[in-house]
Amino acid sequence: MQTKAYARALIDNRIPPLDEETVEERIAARMERQAILTQQRPTVGLSFVIYEAALRSPQVDDEQLRRLLEASRMRNVVVQVLPFERAVPAALTGPMVLLETRDHERFAFAEGPLASEMYADPGAVSRVTERLSMIRTQALAPGESARFIERMVDSRE
């Protein structure tokens, strides 16, 4: 759900820096992956929990916030905000992705500061699922989350 400008800000802010060709390839790949939001048939259900700190990052501009609002209005997308005051330790260890294939195989991907891992082991996938479930219980409901992001946009105008 990232805009091109936001993706560039994230990718181009690596230490050590990436070469320009790699930056452009990664930005293009992120933009292509977003096709799953609208072009996948049958429609894929997607759920995102975004920590308030990420929304308040200096790299997040009005265009990015509006993009999140636009995505949250799609029938197949749920966006939830996890406010500072509701953050649980499980939410602060890094991004994660849960995915289930058409054959009902489940995978988990977890990012850390130095390494990222893909899990297929049912026990590991279950632990990541439990972590995400705990985070979602603390996050704002989808409607509340949209209003939270709208207030952020309004406060910048």
C-alpha atoms as a PDB file:
ATOM      1  CA  MET A   1       0.000   0.000   0.000  1.00  0.00           C
ATOM      2  CA  GLN A   2       3.036   2.215  -0.296  1.00  0.00           C
ATOM      3  CA  THR A   3       3.258   5.149  -2.655  1.00  0.00           C
ATOM      4  CA  LYS A   4       6.292   5.265  -4.894  1.00  0.00           C
ATOM      5  CA  ALA A   5       7.716   8.214  -2.925  1.00  0.00           C
ATOM      6  CA  TYR A   6       7.332   6.410   0.409  1.00  0.00           C
ATOM      7  CA  ALA A   7       8.820   3.182  -0.971  1.00  0.00           C
ATOM      8  CA  ARG A   8      11.782   5.183  -2.265  1.00  0.00           C
ATOM      9  CA  ALA A   9      12.279   6.874   1.114  1.00  0.00           C
ATOM     10  CA  LEU A  10      12.362   3.488   2.865  1.00  0.00           C
ATOM     11  CA  ILE A  11      14.512   1.644   0.340  1.00  0.00           C
ATOM     12  CA  ASP A  12      16.930   4.502  -0.271  1.00  0.00           C
ATOM     13  CA  ASN A  13      17.541   4.934   3.467  1.00  0.00           C
ATOM     14  CA  ARG A  14      19.614   1.766   3.964  1.00  0.00           C
ATOM     15  CA  ILE A  15      22.986   1.495   5.622  1.00  0.00           C
ATOM     16  CA  PRO A  16      25.115   0.644   3.780  1.00  0.00           C
ATOM     17  CA  PRO A  17      23.381   2.410   0.877  1.00  0.00           C
ATOM     18  CA  LEU A  18      22.112   0.422  -2.088  1.00  0.00           C
ATOM     19  CA  ASP A  19      23.179   1.251  -5.622  1.00  0.00           C
ATOM     20  CA  GLU A  20      20.643   3.176  -7.729  1.00  0.00           C
ATOM     21  CA  GLU A  21      19.819   0.182  -9.939  1.00  0.00           C
ATOM     22  CA  THR A  22      18.933  -1.971  -6.913  1.00  0.00           C
ATOM     23  CA  VAL A  23      16.835   0.848  -5.434  1.00  0.00           C
ATOM     24  CA  GLU A  24      14.881   1.181  -8.697  1.00  0.00           C
ATOM     25  CA  GLU A  25      14.385  -2.598  -8.984  1.00  0.00           C
ATOM     26  CA  ARG A  26      13.041  -2.836  -5.433  1.00  0.00           C
ATOM     27  CA  ILE A  27      10.697   0.111  -5.895  1.00  0.00           C
ATOM     28  CA  ALA A  28       9.359  -1.404  -9.131  1.00  0.00           C
ATOM     29  CA  ALA A  29       8.847  -4.762  -7.409  1.00  0.00           C
ATOM     30  CA  ARG A  30       6.863  -3.138  -4.576  1.00  0.00           C
ATOM     31  CA  MET A  31       4.665  -1.268  -7.016  1.00  0.00           C
ATOM     32  CA  GLU A  32       4.015  -4.471  -9.007  1.00  0.00           C
ATOM     33  CA  ARG A  33       3.102  -6.442  -5.864  1.00  0.00           C
ATOM     34  CA  GLN A  34       0.352  -3.944  -5.119  1.00  0.00           C
ATOM     35  CA  ALA A  35      -1.607  -5.377  -8.036  1.00  0.00           C
ATOM     36  CA  ILE A  36      -2.832  -8.039  -5.595  1.00  0.00           C
ATOM     37  CA  LEU A  37      -5.050  -5.343  -4.051  1.00  0.00           C
ATOM     38  CA  THR A  38      -7.186  -5.018  -7.175  1.00  0.00           C
ATOM     39  CA  GLN A  39      -6.225  -7.481  -9.901  1.00  0.00           C
ATOM     40  CA  GLN A  40      -6.226 -10.870  -8.169  1.00  0.00           C
ATOM     41  CA  ARG A  41      -9.104 -13.160  -9.127  1.00  0.00           C
ATOM     42  CA  PRO A  42     -10.685 -14.402  -7.027  1.00  0.00           C
ATOM     43  CA  THR A  43     -10.212 -11.405  -4.790  1.00  0.00           C
ATOM     44  CA  VAL A  44      -7.729 -11.964  -1.995  1.00  0.00           C
ATOM     45  CA  GLY A  45      -8.619 -10.789   1.502  1.00  0.00           C
ATOM     46  CA  LEU A  46      -5.882  -8.632   3.012  1.00  0.00           C
ATOM     47  CA  SER A  47      -5.492  -7.339   6.547  1.00  0.00           C
ATOM     48  CA  PHE A  48      -2.922  -4.809   7.735  1.00  0.00           C
ATOM     49  CA  VAL A  49      -2.077  -3.519  11.198  1.00  0.00           C
ATOM     50  CA  ILE A  50       0.037  -0.367  11.149  1.00  0.00           C
ATOM     51  CA  TYR A  51       1.748   0.955  14.255  1.00  0.00           C
ATOM     52  CA  GLU A  52       1.162   4.650  14.922  1.00  0.00           C
ATOM     53  CA  ALA A  53       4.923   5.274  14.949  1.00  0.00           C
ATOM     54  CA  ALA A  54       5.089   4.171  11.303  1.00  0.00           C
ATOM     55  CA  LEU A  55       2.312   6.607  10.388  1.00  0.00           C
ATOM     56  CA  ARG A  56       4.096   9.458  12.151  1.00  0.00           C
ATOM     57  CA  SER A  57       7.447   8.758  10.481  1.00  0.00           C
ATOM     58  CA  PRO A  58       8.943  11.759   8.659  1.00  0.00           C
ATOM     59  CA  GLN A  59       8.850   9.714   5.439  1.00  0.00           C
ATOM     60  CA  VAL A  60       5.045   9.443   5.583  1.00  0.00           C
ATOM     61  CA  ASP A  61       3.472  12.298   3.652  1.00  0.00           C
ATOM     62  CA  ASP A  62      -0.161  13.211   2.935  1.00  0.00           C
ATOM     63  CA  GLU A  63      -0.113  11.169  -0.274  1.00  0.00           C
ATOM     64  CA  GLN A  64       0.842   8.044   1.685  1.00  0.00           C
ATOM     65  CA  LEU A  65      -1.855   8.624   4.305  1.00  0.00           C
ATOM     66  CA  ARG A  66      -4.470   9.143   1.586  1.00  0.00           C
ATOM     67  CA  ARG A  67      -3.279   5.951  -0.126  1.00  0.00           C
ATOM     68  CA  LEU A  68      -3.903   4.032   3.103  1.00  0.00           C
ATOM     69  CA  LEU A  69      -7.397   5.521   3.363  1.00  0.00           C
ATOM     70  CA  GLU A  70      -8.112   4.613  -0.258  1.00  0.00           C
ATOM     71  CA  ALA A  71      -6.973   1.034   0.327  1.00  0.00           C
ATOM     72  CA  SER A  72      -9.010   0.770   3.535  1.00  0.00           C
ATOM     73  CA  ARG A  73     -12.182   1.481   1.535  1.00  0.00           C
ATOM     74  CA  MET A  74     -11.650  -1.569  -0.684  1.00  0.00           C
ATOM     75  CA  ARG A  75     -13.979  -4.468   0.056  1.00  0.00           C
ATOM     76  CA  ASN A  76     -11.100  -6.934   0.392  1.00  0.00           C
ATOM     77  CA  VAL A  77      -8.793  -4.799   2.563  1.00  0.00           C
ATOM     78  CA  VAL A  78      -8.853  -4.188   6.318  1.00  0.00           C
ATOM     79  CA  VAL A  79      -6.559  -1.546   7.782  1.00  0.00           C
ATOM     80  CA  GLN A  80      -6.133  -1.194  11.531  1.00  0.00           C
ATOM     81  CA  VAL A  81      -3.984   1.282  13.450  1.00  0.00           C
ATOM     82  CA  LEU A  82      -2.184   0.258  16.610  1.00  0.00           C
ATOM     83  CA  PRO A  83      -1.939   3.470  18.690  1.00  0.00           C
ATOM     84  CA  PHE A  84       1.070   4.199  20.883  1.00  0.00           C
ATOM     85  CA  GLU A  85      -0.904   3.706  24.092  1.00  0.00           C
ATOM     86  CA  ARG A  86      -2.087   0.237  23.061  1.00  0.00           C
ATOM     87  CA  ALA A  87       1.221  -1.141  21.817  1.00  0.00           C
ATOM     88  CA  VAL A  88       2.127  -4.509  23.267  1.00  0.00           C
ATOM     89  CA  PRO A  89       5.703  -5.850  23.286  1.00  0.00           C
ATOM     90  CA  ALA A  90       4.782  -8.428  20.625  1.00  0.00           C
ATOM     91  CA  ALA A  91       4.027  -5.558  18.241  1.00  0.00           C
ATOM     92  CA  LEU A  92       7.428  -3.975  18.541  1.00  0.00           C
ATOM     93  CA  THR A  93       9.653  -6.811  17.319  1.00  0.00           C
ATOM     94  CA  GLY A  94       9.239  -6.068  13.615  1.00  0.00           C
ATOM     95  CA  PRO A  95       6.935  -6.543  10.643  1.00  0.00           C
ATOM     96  CA  MET A  96       5.348  -9.886   9.833  1.00  0.00           C
ATOM     97  CA  VAL A  97       3.279 -11.404   7.065  1.00  0.00           C
ATOM     98  CA  LEU A  98       0.955 -14.396   7.239  1.00  0.00           C
ATOM     99  CA  LEU A  99      -0.147 -16.038   4.050  1.00  0.00           C
ATOM    100  CA  GLU A 100      -2.301 -18.966   3.049  1.00  0.00           C
ATOM    101  CA  THR A 101      -2.171 -20.502  -0.417  1.00  0.00           C
ATOM    102  CA  ARG A 102      -5.139 -21.754  -2.425  1.00  0.00           C
ATOM    103  CA  ASP A 103      -4.155 -25.238  -1.218  1.00  0.00           C
ATOM    104  CA  HIS A 104      -4.454 -23.990   2.381  1.00  0.00           C
ATOM    105  CA  GLU A 105      -0.723 -24.154   3.070  1.00  0.00           C
ATOM    106  CA  ARG A 106       0.221 -21.523   5.626  1.00  0.00           C
ATOM    107  CA  PHE A 107       3.441 -19.532   5.788  1.00  0.00           C
ATOM    108  CA  ALA A 108       4.782 -16.765   7.999  1.00  0.00           C
ATOM    109  CA  PHE A 109       7.432 -14.188   7.231  1.00  0.00           C
ATOM    110  CA  ALA A 110       8.969 -12.169  10.044  1.00  0.00           C
ATOM    111  CA  GLU A 111      11.431  -9.306   9.674  1.00  0.00           C
ATOM    112  CA  GLY A 112      14.030  -8.451  12.239  1.00  0.00           C
ATOM    113  CA  PRO A 113      16.681  -5.742  12.416  1.00  0.00           C
ATOM    114  CA  LEU A 114      19.414  -7.996  11.050  1.00  0.00           C
ATOM    115  CA  ALA A 115      17.605 -10.896   9.393  1.00  0.00           C
ATOM    116  CA  SER A 116      14.247 -11.964   8.029  1.00  0.00           C
ATOM    117  CA  GLU A 117      12.827 -15.474   8.033  1.00  0.00           C
ATOM    118  CA  MET A 118      10.151 -17.410   6.181  1.00  0.00           C
ATOM    119  CA  TYR A 119       8.463 -20.172   8.172  1.00  0.00           C
ATOM    120  CA  ALA A 120       6.499 -23.150   6.894  1.00  0.00           C
ATOM    121  CA  ASP A 121       6.690 -25.214  10.090  1.00  0.00           C
ATOM    122  CA  PRO A 122       3.149 -25.315  11.562  1.00  0.00           C
ATOM    123  CA  GLY A 123       4.414 -24.573  15.075  1.00  0.00           C
ATOM    124  CA  ALA A 124       6.330 -21.484  13.955  1.00  0.00           C
ATOM    125  CA  VAL A 125       3.413 -20.280  11.811  1.00  0.00           C
ATOM    126  CA  SER A 126       1.114 -20.764  14.802  1.00  0.00           C
ATOM    127  CA  ARG A 127       3.365 -18.613  17.024  1.00  0.00           C
ATOM    128  CA  VAL A 128       3.404 -15.797  14.457  1.00  0.00           C
ATOM    129  CA  THR A 129      -0.377 -16.122  14.066  1.00  0.00           C
ATOM    130  CA  GLU A 130      -0.814 -15.863  17.836  1.00  0.00           C
ATOM    131  CA  ARG A 131       1.422 -12.773  17.903  1.00  0.00           C
ATOM    132  CA  LEU A 132      -0.623 -11.100  15.175  1.00  0.00           C
ATOM    133  CA  SER A 133      -3.879 -12.041  16.898  1.00  0.00           C
ATOM    134  CA  MET A 134      -2.717 -10.346  20.109  1.00  0.00           C
ATOM    135  CA  ILE A 135      -1.739  -7.227  18.182  1.00  0.00           C
ATOM    136  CA  ARG A 136      -5.093  -7.082  16.357  1.00  0.00           C
ATOM    137  CA  THR A 137      -7.000  -7.234  19.649  1.00  0.00           C
ATOM    138  CA  GLN A 138      -5.199  -4.056  20.754  1.00  0.00           C
ATOM    139  CA  ALA A 139      -5.511  -2.196  17.435  1.00  0.00           C
ATOM    140  CA  LEU A 140      -8.342   0.179  16.631  1.00  0.00           C
ATOM    141  CA  ALA A 141     -11.310  -1.227  14.706  1.00  0.00           C
ATOM    142  CA  PRO A 142     -11.223  -0.551  10.944  1.00  0.00           C
ATOM    143  CA  GLY A 143     -13.654   2.387  11.097  1.00  0.00           C
ATOM    144  CA  GLU A 144     -11.820   3.938  14.040  1.00  0.00           C
ATOM    145  CA  SER A 145      -8.545   3.419  12.200  1.00  0.00           C
ATOM    146  CA  ALA A 146      -9.821   5.252   9.115  1.00  0.00           C
ATOM    147  CA  ARG A 147     -10.944   8.169  11.284  1.00  0.00           C
ATOM    148  CA  PHE A 148      -7.538   8.165  13.024  1.00  0.00           C
ATOM    149  CA  ILE A 149      -5.750   8.460   9.658  1.00  0.00           C
ATOM    150  CA  GLU A 150      -8.248  11.089   8.441  1.00  0.00           C
ATOM    151  CA  ARG A 151      -7.494  13.204  11.538  1.00  0.00           C
ATOM    152  CA  MET A 152      -3.787  12.923  10.766  1.00  0.00           C
ATOM    153  CA  VAL A 153      -4.411  14.205   7.221  1.00  0.00           C
ATOM    154  CA  ASP A 154      -6.649  17.014   8.495  1.00  0.00           C
ATOM    155  CA  SER A 155      -4.085  18.112  11.086  1.00  0.00           C
ATOM    156  CA  ARG A 156      -1.479  18.585   8.349  1.00  0.00           C
ATOM    157  CA  GLU A 157      -3.645  20.884   6.225  1.00  0.00           C
END
